Amino acid sequence: MNITIETANGTTTAHLEGRLDTPASAEVTPYFEQLQEHADGVVILDCTDLSYIASSGLRLFLALRKVANSKGGKVIVKNINDSIRQVFMMTGFLNMFEIQ
């Protein structure tokens, strides 16, 4: 699992690549903590190259959303594939996030 973070003009974009399973979630937690520092603005989670997400990965997304809400920020999830979209539908995440 790889995450690349870029910040420009008040928007922070995280490019997620690989499988966000339980071991990877523990590995990338520091990146999500870094994203929380920017959660007072717009945070984009670009999932173009994300192939899988487990419940532990969903928890990271949810924690980021909660911090953004408390800081008046916004989390946008972009470019999810069909299997991740199904997971988001089954868990109610489609209604919790702005999906582009």
N, C-alpha and C. Protein backbone atom coordinates (compact mmCIF):
# COMPACT_ATOMS: atom_id res chain seq x y z
N MET A 1 0.85 -1.18 0.00
CA MET A 1 0.00 0.00 0.00
C MET A 1 0.89 1.24 0.00
N ASN A 2 0.65 2.11 -0.94
CA ASN A 2 1.40 3.37 -1.03
C ASN A 2 0.43 4.53 -0.96
N ILE A 3 0.86 5.59 -0.27
CA ILE A 3 0.09 6.83 -0.23
C ILE A 3 1.05 7.97 -0.54
N THR A 4 0.63 8.82 -1.46
CA THR A 4 1.37 10.04 -1.80
C THR A 4 0.47 11.21 -1.46
N ILE A 5 1.00 12.16 -0.70
CA ILE A 5 0.20 13.31 -0.27
C ILE A 5 0.77 14.58 -0.87
N GLU A 6 -0.13 15.38 -1.46
CA GLU A 6 0.24 16.67 -2.04
C GLU A 6 -0.70 17.74 -1.50
N THR A 7 -0.17 18.92 -1.20
CA THR A 7 -1.00 20.03 -0.74
C THR A 7 -0.76 21.23 -1.64
N ALA A 8 -1.87 21.82 -2.11
CA ALA A 8 -1.79 23.03 -2.95
C ALA A 8 -3.09 23.81 -2.84
N ASN A 9 -2.99 25.10 -2.64
CA ASN A 9 -4.15 26.00 -2.63
C ASN A 9 -5.25 25.57 -1.66
N GLY A 10 -4.88 25.14 -0.46
CA GLY A 10 -5.86 24.76 0.54
C GLY A 10 -6.48 23.39 0.35
N THR A 11 -6.03 22.66 -0.64
CA THR A 11 -6.53 21.31 -0.89
C THR A 11 -5.40 20.31 -0.71
N THR A 12 -5.67 19.28 0.06
CA THR A 12 -4.70 18.20 0.26
C THR A 12 -5.23 16.97 -0.43
N THR A 13 -4.41 16.39 -1.30
CA THR A 13 -4.81 15.19 -2.05
C THR A 13 -3.92 14.03 -1.65
N ALA A 14 -4.56 12.92 -1.30
CA ALA A 14 -3.85 11.68 -1.00
C ALA A 14 -4.16 10.68 -2.11
N HIS A 15 -3.12 10.23 -2.79
CA HIS A 15 -3.27 9.22 -3.84
C HIS A 15 -3.02 7.87 -3.18
N LEU A 16 -4.06 7.02 -3.15
CA LEU A 16 -3.96 5.70 -2.53
C LEU A 16 -3.74 4.65 -3.60
N GLU A 17 -2.78 3.77 -3.36
CA GLU A 17 -2.43 2.76 -4.35
C GLU A 17 -2.25 1.41 -3.66
N GLY A 18 -2.95 0.40 -4.14
CA GLY A 18 -2.80 -0.95 -3.61
C GLY A 18 -4.03 -1.40 -2.85
N ARG A 19 -3.79 -2.25 -1.85
CA ARG A 19 -4.86 -2.84 -1.05
C ARG A 19 -4.83 -2.25 0.35
N LEU A 20 -5.94 -1.67 0.76
CA LEU A 20 -6.04 -1.10 2.10
C LEU A 20 -6.69 -2.14 3.01
N ASP A 21 -5.91 -3.21 3.28
CA ASP A 21 -6.39 -4.28 4.15
C ASP A 21 -5.92 -3.99 5.57
N THR A 22 -6.12 -4.93 6.49
CA THR A 22 -5.80 -4.70 7.89
C THR A 22 -4.32 -4.41 8.12
N PRO A 23 -3.40 -5.21 7.60
CA PRO A 23 -1.98 -4.88 7.81
C PRO A 23 -1.60 -3.53 7.20
N ALA A 24 -2.12 -3.22 6.03
CA ALA A 24 -1.81 -1.95 5.37
C ALA A 24 -2.40 -0.78 6.16
N SER A 25 -3.56 -0.97 6.75
CA SER A 25 -4.19 0.10 7.53
C SER A 25 -3.30 0.53 8.69
N ALA A 26 -2.73 -0.44 9.36
CA ALA A 26 -1.81 -0.12 10.46
C ALA A 26 -0.59 0.61 9.93
N GLU A 27 -0.13 0.22 8.78
CA GLU A 27 1.05 0.81 8.15
C GLU A 27 0.81 2.26 7.72
N VAL A 28 -0.38 2.57 7.23
CA VAL A 28 -0.66 3.91 6.69
C VAL A 28 -1.34 4.85 7.68
N THR A 29 -1.59 4.40 8.89
CA THR A 29 -2.22 5.26 9.90
C THR A 29 -1.49 6.59 10.05
N PRO A 30 -0.15 6.63 10.08
CA PRO A 30 0.53 7.94 10.19
C PRO A 30 0.20 8.89 9.03
N TYR A 31 -0.03 8.37 7.84
CA TYR A 31 -0.41 9.21 6.71
C TYR A 31 -1.79 9.82 6.93
N PHE A 32 -2.72 9.02 7.48
CA PHE A 32 -4.05 9.53 7.75
C PHE A 32 -4.02 10.54 8.89
N GLU A 33 -3.11 10.36 9.84
CA GLU A 33 -2.95 11.36 10.90
C GLU A 33 -2.43 12.67 10.30
N GLN A 34 -1.55 12.57 9.32
CA GLN A 34 -1.05 13.76 8.62
C GLN A 34 -2.20 14.45 7.87
N LEU A 35 -3.07 13.66 7.25
CA LEU A 35 -4.23 14.23 6.56
C LEU A 35 -5.15 14.95 7.54
N GLN A 36 -5.27 14.44 8.75
CA GLN A 36 -6.13 15.07 9.76
C GLN A 36 -5.62 16.47 10.10
N GLU A 37 -4.33 16.70 10.00
CA GLU A 37 -3.77 18.02 10.26
C GLU A 37 -4.26 19.04 9.23
N HIS A 38 -4.64 18.58 8.05
CA HIS A 38 -5.13 19.45 6.98
C HIS A 38 -6.65 19.40 6.84
N ALA A 39 -7.32 18.79 7.80
CA ALA A 39 -8.75 18.53 7.68
C ALA A 39 -9.62 19.77 7.87
N ASP A 40 -9.01 20.92 8.11
CA ASP A 40 -9.79 22.14 8.19
C ASP A 40 -10.08 22.71 6.79
N GLY A 41 -9.46 22.12 5.77
CA GLY A 41 -9.70 22.49 4.38
C GLY A 41 -10.34 21.32 3.64
N VAL A 42 -10.03 21.22 2.37
CA VAL A 42 -10.54 20.12 1.56
C VAL A 42 -9.48 19.03 1.49
N VAL A 43 -9.88 17.80 1.81
CA VAL A 43 -9.01 16.64 1.68
C VAL A 43 -9.62 15.73 0.64
N ILE A 44 -8.85 15.41 -0.38
CA ILE A 44 -9.30 14.51 -1.44
C ILE A 44 -8.58 13.18 -1.29
N LEU A 45 -9.35 12.11 -1.24
CA LEU A 45 -8.79 10.76 -1.24
C LEU A 45 -8.97 10.21 -2.65
N ASP A 46 -7.89 10.20 -3.42
CA ASP A 46 -7.94 9.73 -4.81
C ASP A 46 -7.70 8.23 -4.81
N CYS A 47 -8.76 7.49 -5.13
CA CYS A 47 -8.73 6.03 -5.06
C CYS A 47 -8.57 5.38 -6.43
N THR A 48 -8.05 6.11 -7.39
CA THR A 48 -7.88 5.58 -8.74
C THR A 48 -7.14 4.25 -8.72
N ASP A 49 -6.10 4.15 -7.92
CA ASP A 49 -5.26 2.95 -7.89
C ASP A 49 -5.48 2.12 -6.63
N LEU A 50 -6.59 2.35 -5.92
CA LEU A 50 -6.93 1.55 -4.75
C LEU A 50 -7.75 0.36 -5.22
N SER A 51 -7.26 -0.84 -4.99
CA SER A 51 -7.93 -2.03 -5.52
C SER A 51 -8.85 -2.71 -4.51
N TYR A 52 -8.68 -2.42 -3.21
CA TYR A 52 -9.45 -3.14 -2.17
C TYR A 52 -9.45 -2.30 -0.91
N ILE A 53 -10.55 -2.35 -0.16
CA ILE A 53 -10.59 -1.70 1.15
C ILE A 53 -11.28 -2.63 2.14
N ALA A 54 -10.65 -2.83 3.29
CA ALA A 54 -11.20 -3.64 4.37
C ALA A 54 -11.85 -2.73 5.39
N SER A 55 -12.51 -3.32 6.38
CA SER A 55 -13.18 -2.51 7.40
C SER A 55 -12.19 -1.62 8.15
N SER A 56 -10.98 -2.07 8.32
CA SER A 56 -9.97 -1.25 8.99
C SER A 56 -9.64 -0.01 8.16
N GLY A 57 -9.67 -0.13 6.85
CA GLY A 57 -9.47 1.01 5.96
C GLY A 57 -10.66 1.96 6.02
N LEU A 58 -11.85 1.40 6.09
CA LEU A 58 -13.05 2.23 6.22
C LEU A 58 -13.00 3.05 7.51
N ARG A 59 -12.47 2.45 8.57
CA ARG A 59 -12.34 3.18 9.83
C ARG A 59 -11.42 4.38 9.69
N LEU A 60 -10.35 4.24 8.91
CA LEU A 60 -9.45 5.38 8.67
C LEU A 60 -10.18 6.49 7.93
N PHE A 61 -10.96 6.14 6.92
CA PHE A 61 -11.74 7.13 6.17
C PHE A 61 -12.72 7.84 7.12
N LEU A 62 -13.40 7.04 7.96
CA LEU A 62 -14.40 7.59 8.87
C LEU A 62 -13.76 8.52 9.91
N ALA A 63 -12.63 8.13 10.45
CA ALA A 63 -11.94 8.97 11.44
C ALA A 63 -11.54 10.30 10.81
N LEU A 64 -11.06 10.26 9.57
CA LEU A 64 -10.69 11.48 8.86
C LEU A 64 -11.91 12.37 8.65
N ARG A 65 -13.02 11.76 8.28
CA ARG A 65 -14.26 12.53 8.07
C ARG A 65 -14.71 13.20 9.36
N LYS A 66 -14.63 12.49 10.49
CA LYS A 66 -15.04 13.06 11.77
C LYS A 66 -14.19 14.27 12.14
N VAL A 67 -12.88 14.16 11.93
CA VAL A 67 -11.99 15.28 12.23
C VAL A 67 -12.30 16.45 11.30
N ALA A 68 -12.51 16.16 10.02
CA ALA A 68 -12.83 17.23 9.06
C ALA A 68 -14.13 17.92 9.46
N ASN A 69 -15.13 17.17 9.84
CA ASN A 69 -16.40 17.77 10.25
C ASN A 69 -16.22 18.67 11.46
N SER A 70 -15.40 18.24 12.41
CA SER A 70 -15.20 19.04 13.62
C SER A 70 -14.40 20.31 13.34
N LYS A 71 -13.59 20.30 12.28
CA LYS A 71 -12.76 21.46 11.93
C LYS A 71 -13.40 22.32 10.83
N GLY A 72 -14.57 21.92 10.36
CA GLY A 72 -15.23 22.67 9.30
C GLY A 72 -14.67 22.36 7.91
N GLY A 73 -13.97 21.24 7.79
CA GLY A 73 -13.39 20.85 6.51
C GLY A 73 -14.29 19.88 5.76
N LYS A 74 -13.73 19.30 4.72
CA LYS A 74 -14.52 18.44 3.84
C LYS A 74 -13.62 17.35 3.28
N VAL A 75 -14.14 16.13 3.21
CA VAL A 75 -13.42 15.00 2.61
C VAL A 75 -14.16 14.58 1.35
N ILE A 76 -13.43 14.50 0.26
CA ILE A 76 -13.98 14.05 -1.02
C ILE A 76 -13.26 12.76 -1.41
N VAL A 77 -14.04 11.75 -1.78
CA VAL A 77 -13.46 10.48 -2.24
C VAL A 77 -13.66 10.43 -3.75
N LYS A 78 -12.56 10.25 -4.47
CA LYS A 78 -12.62 10.26 -5.94
C LYS A 78 -12.20 8.92 -6.53
N ASN A 79 -12.81 8.60 -7.66
CA ASN A 79 -12.37 7.52 -8.54
C ASN A 79 -12.36 6.14 -7.88
N ILE A 80 -13.44 5.80 -7.17
CA ILE A 80 -13.51 4.45 -6.60
C ILE A 80 -13.95 3.46 -7.68
N ASN A 81 -13.40 2.26 -7.61
CA ASN A 81 -13.78 1.23 -8.57
C ASN A 81 -15.12 0.60 -8.15
N ASP A 82 -15.65 -0.27 -8.98
CA ASP A 82 -16.97 -0.85 -8.74
C ASP A 82 -17.03 -1.68 -7.45
N SER A 83 -15.98 -2.43 -7.14
CA SER A 83 -16.01 -3.27 -5.94
C SER A 83 -15.97 -2.40 -4.68
N ILE A 84 -15.20 -1.33 -4.70
CA ILE A 84 -15.15 -0.43 -3.55
C ILE A 84 -16.47 0.34 -3.45
N ARG A 85 -17.05 0.69 -4.57
CA ARG A 85 -18.37 1.36 -4.57
C ARG A 85 -19.40 0.46 -3.90
N GLN A 86 -19.36 -0.84 -4.17
CA GLN A 86 -20.30 -1.77 -3.54
C GLN A 86 -20.10 -1.82 -2.03
N VAL A 87 -18.84 -1.83 -1.59
CA VAL A 87 -18.55 -1.81 -0.15
C VAL A 87 -19.10 -0.52 0.46
N PHE A 88 -18.90 0.60 -0.22
CA PHE A 88 -19.41 1.89 0.26
C PHE A 88 -20.94 1.86 0.32
N MET A 89 -21.59 1.24 -0.66
CA MET A 89 -23.05 1.15 -0.66
C MET A 89 -23.54 0.30 0.51
N MET A 90 -22.91 -0.85 0.73
CA MET A 90 -23.34 -1.77 1.79
C MET A 90 -23.13 -1.19 3.18
N THR A 91 -22.13 -0.34 3.34
CA THR A 91 -21.80 0.20 4.66
C THR A 91 -22.40 1.58 4.91
N GLY A 92 -23.04 2.16 3.90
CA GLY A 92 -23.61 3.48 4.05
C GLY A 92 -22.62 4.61 3.82
N PHE A 93 -21.40 4.28 3.42
CA PHE A 93 -20.38 5.31 3.20
C PHE A 93 -20.69 6.18 2.00
N LEU A 94 -21.49 5.68 1.05
CA LEU A 94 -21.86 6.51 -0.11
C LEU A 94 -22.62 7.74 0.34
N ASN A 95 -23.37 7.62 1.43
CA ASN A 95 -24.13 8.76 1.93
C ASN A 95 -23.31 9.65 2.84
N MET A 96 -22.20 9.16 3.34
CA MET A 96 -21.39 9.92 4.28
C MET A 96 -20.32 10.79 3.63
N PHE A 97 -19.94 10.41 2.44
CA PHE A 97 -18.85 11.12 1.75
C PHE A 97 -19.35 11.70 0.43
N GLU A 98 -18.69 12.76 0.03
CA GLU A 98 -18.91 13.26 -1.33
C GLU A 98 -18.07 12.38 -2.23
N ILE A 99 -18.72 11.69 -3.17
CA ILE A 99 -18.03 10.78 -4.09
C ILE A 99 -17.98 11.43 -5.46
N GLN A 100 -16.80 11.49 -6.03
CA GLN A 100 -16.65 12.04 -7.38
C GLN A 100 -16.02 11.02 -8.29
